Amino acid sequence: MLEHLGASNFKAWRSLPSVRMGRLTAFFGTNSSGKSAILHLLLMLKQTVESADRTKVLNLGDERSLVSLGTFSEVLFDHDRARSLSVELLWKLP
């Protein structure tokens, strides 16, 4: 089970502090505060893992994917290609 999620330079998040995840996790906040970006990150990681194309480091999606995020520049914070995208996952096996 996924226990913690963190990221930097992903969409609205310059730095997403480690978010504690539970069996049921809900995100609350004002409009345009980055709630859907967290869900996009999780869906992007899922479709990357499930992708048959092992040459792609990240599967940003297309019209047939769980989520279509556009280009790599479009998922970076401030669309700045000088930034690096990082993701932190912590999970426990049952």
C-alpha atoms as a PDB file:
ATOM      1  CA  MET A   1       0.000   0.000   0.000  1.00  0.00           C
ATOM      2  CA  LEU A   2       1.260   3.464  -0.891  1.00  0.00           C
ATOM      3  CA  GLU A   3       2.045   5.284   2.356  1.00  0.00           C
ATOM      4  CA  HIS A   4       3.760   8.515   1.284  1.00  0.00           C
ATOM      5  CA  LEU A   5       3.994  10.517  -1.922  1.00  0.00           C
ATOM      6  CA  GLY A   6       6.258  13.471  -2.603  1.00  0.00           C
ATOM      7  CA  ALA A   7       7.338  15.343  -5.723  1.00  0.00           C
ATOM      8  CA  SER A   8       9.115  18.428  -6.897  1.00  0.00           C
ATOM      9  CA  ASN A   9       8.635  20.522 -10.031  1.00  0.00           C
ATOM     10  CA  PHE A  10       5.466  18.748 -11.134  1.00  0.00           C
ATOM     11  CA  LYS A  11       2.752  20.973 -12.591  1.00  0.00           C
ATOM     12  CA  ALA A  12       1.516  23.327  -9.827  1.00  0.00           C
ATOM     13  CA  TRP A  13       3.948  21.954  -7.255  1.00  0.00           C
ATOM     14  CA  ARG A  14       7.438  23.394  -7.001  1.00  0.00           C
ATOM     15  CA  SER A  15       7.784  21.205  -3.950  1.00  0.00           C
ATOM     16  CA  LEU A  16       5.105  18.788  -2.811  1.00  0.00           C
ATOM     17  CA  PRO A  17       5.984  17.823   0.743  1.00  0.00           C
ATOM     18  CA  SER A  18       5.599  14.182   1.592  1.00  0.00           C
ATOM     19  CA  VAL A  19       1.865  13.472   1.665  1.00  0.00           C
ATOM     20  CA  ARG A  20       0.782  10.695   4.006  1.00  0.00           C
ATOM     21  CA  MET A  21      -1.570   8.335   2.196  1.00  0.00           C
ATOM     22  CA  GLY A  22      -4.047   6.014   3.866  1.00  0.00           C
ATOM     23  CA  ARG A  23      -6.553   3.406   2.806  1.00  0.00           C
ATOM     24  CA  LEU A  24      -8.843   6.299   2.020  1.00  0.00           C
ATOM     25  CA  THR A  25      -7.223   9.623   1.172  1.00  0.00           C
ATOM     26  CA  ALA A  26      -9.107  12.784   0.214  1.00  0.00           C
ATOM     27  CA  PHE A  27      -7.653  16.055  -1.026  1.00  0.00           C
ATOM     28  CA  PHE A  28      -9.264  19.344  -0.057  1.00  0.00           C
ATOM     29  CA  GLY A  29      -8.304  22.865  -1.030  1.00  0.00           C
ATOM     30  CA  THR A  30      -9.183  25.934  -3.011  1.00  0.00           C
ATOM     31  CA  ASN A  31      -9.557  25.909  -6.777  1.00  0.00           C
ATOM     32  CA  SER A  32      -6.235  25.754  -8.657  1.00  0.00           C
ATOM     33  CA  SER A  33      -4.315  24.696  -5.551  1.00  0.00           C
ATOM     34  CA  GLY A  34      -2.868  21.534  -7.143  1.00  0.00           C
ATOM     35  CA  LYS A  35      -5.236  18.797  -5.940  1.00  0.00           C
ATOM     36  CA  SER A  36      -5.723  17.316  -9.404  1.00  0.00           C
ATOM     37  CA  ALA A  37      -1.965  17.500 -10.050  1.00  0.00           C
ATOM     38  CA  ILE A  38      -1.473  14.915  -7.297  1.00  0.00           C
ATOM     39  CA  LEU A  39      -3.956  12.607  -8.996  1.00  0.00           C
ATOM     40  CA  HIS A  40      -2.337  13.253 -12.402  1.00  0.00           C
ATOM     41  CA  LEU A  41       1.033  12.280 -10.931  1.00  0.00           C
ATOM     42  CA  LEU A  42      -0.338   8.986  -9.639  1.00  0.00           C
ATOM     43  CA  LEU A  43      -2.079   8.200 -12.936  1.00  0.00           C
ATOM     44  CA  MET A  44       1.062   9.090 -14.911  1.00  0.00           C
ATOM     45  CA  LEU A  45       3.124   6.721 -12.767  1.00  0.00           C
ATOM     46  CA  LYS A  46       0.530   3.945 -13.198  1.00  0.00           C
ATOM     47  CA  GLN A  47       0.425   4.262 -16.979  1.00  0.00           C
ATOM     48  CA  THR A  48       4.232   4.426 -17.113  1.00  0.00           C
ATOM     49  CA  VAL A  49       4.542   1.163 -15.193  1.00  0.00           C
ATOM     50  CA  GLU A  50       1.884  -0.502 -17.357  1.00  0.00           C
ATOM     51  CA  SER A  51       3.319   0.789 -20.648  1.00  0.00           C
ATOM     52  CA  ALA A  52       4.719  -1.771 -23.086  1.00  0.00           C
ATOM     53  CA  ASP A  53       7.146   0.862 -24.443  1.00  0.00           C
ATOM     54  CA  ARG A  54      10.212   0.472 -22.208  1.00  0.00           C
ATOM     55  CA  THR A  55      12.067   3.253 -24.064  1.00  0.00           C
ATOM     56  CA  LYS A  56       9.887   5.911 -22.360  1.00  0.00           C
ATOM     57  CA  VAL A  57      11.061   7.068 -18.961  1.00  0.00           C
ATOM     58  CA  LEU A  58       7.624   8.597 -18.353  1.00  0.00           C
ATOM     59  CA  ASN A  59       4.421   7.865 -20.197  1.00  0.00           C
ATOM     60  CA  LEU A  60       2.746  11.278 -20.345  1.00  0.00           C
ATOM     61  CA  GLY A  61      -0.202   9.744 -22.151  1.00  0.00           C
ATOM     62  CA  ASP A  62      -2.315  10.245 -25.230  1.00  0.00           C
ATOM     63  CA  GLU A  63      -6.028  10.163 -26.049  1.00  0.00           C
ATOM     64  CA  ARG A  64      -6.239   6.459 -25.046  1.00  0.00           C
ATOM     65  CA  SER A  65      -4.443   6.832 -21.697  1.00  0.00           C
ATOM     66  CA  LEU A  66      -5.669   7.299 -18.158  1.00  0.00           C
ATOM     67  CA  VAL A  67      -4.349  10.853 -18.311  1.00  0.00           C
ATOM     68  CA  SER A  68      -2.835  12.900 -21.128  1.00  0.00           C
ATOM     69  CA  LEU A  69      -0.408  15.495 -19.783  1.00  0.00           C
ATOM     70  CA  GLY A  70       1.078  16.846 -23.013  1.00  0.00           C
ATOM     71  CA  THR A  71       4.812  17.402 -23.301  1.00  0.00           C
ATOM     72  CA  PHE A  72       7.505  17.116 -20.647  1.00  0.00           C
ATOM     73  CA  SER A  73       7.800  20.926 -20.561  1.00  0.00           C
ATOM     74  CA  GLU A  74       4.086  21.156 -19.823  1.00  0.00           C
ATOM     75  CA  VAL A  75       4.350  18.980 -16.701  1.00  0.00           C
ATOM     76  CA  LEU A  76       7.306  20.897 -15.258  1.00  0.00           C
ATOM     77  CA  PHE A  77       6.692  23.649 -12.726  1.00  0.00           C
ATOM     78  CA  ASP A  78       6.693  26.993 -14.596  1.00  0.00           C
ATOM     79  CA  HIS A  79       7.358  24.961 -17.808  1.00  0.00           C
ATOM     80  CA  ASP A  80      11.062  25.432 -17.056  1.00  0.00           C
ATOM     81  CA  ARG A  81      13.154  22.687 -18.725  1.00  0.00           C
ATOM     82  CA  ALA A  82      16.111  23.640 -16.538  1.00  0.00           C
ATOM     83  CA  ARG A  83      14.226  22.118 -13.586  1.00  0.00           C
ATOM     84  CA  SER A  84      14.339  18.425 -12.808  1.00  0.00           C
ATOM     85  CA  LEU A  85      11.263  16.401 -11.983  1.00  0.00           C
ATOM     86  CA  SER A  86      11.513  14.144  -8.967  1.00  0.00           C
ATOM     87  CA  VAL A  87       9.054  11.772  -7.352  1.00  0.00           C
ATOM     88  CA  GLU A  88       9.268  10.107  -3.951  1.00  0.00           C
ATOM     89  CA  LEU A  89       7.216   7.007  -3.148  1.00  0.00           C
ATOM     90  CA  LEU A  90       7.114   4.964   0.024  1.00  0.00           C
ATOM     91  CA  TRP A  91       4.971   1.854   0.285  1.00  0.00           C
ATOM     92  CA  LYS A  92       4.564  -1.222   2.416  1.00  0.00           C
ATOM     93  CA  LEU A  93       3.965  -4.655   1.044  1.00  0.00           C
ATOM     94  CA  PRO A  94       1.045  -6.489   2.653  1.00  0.00           C
END
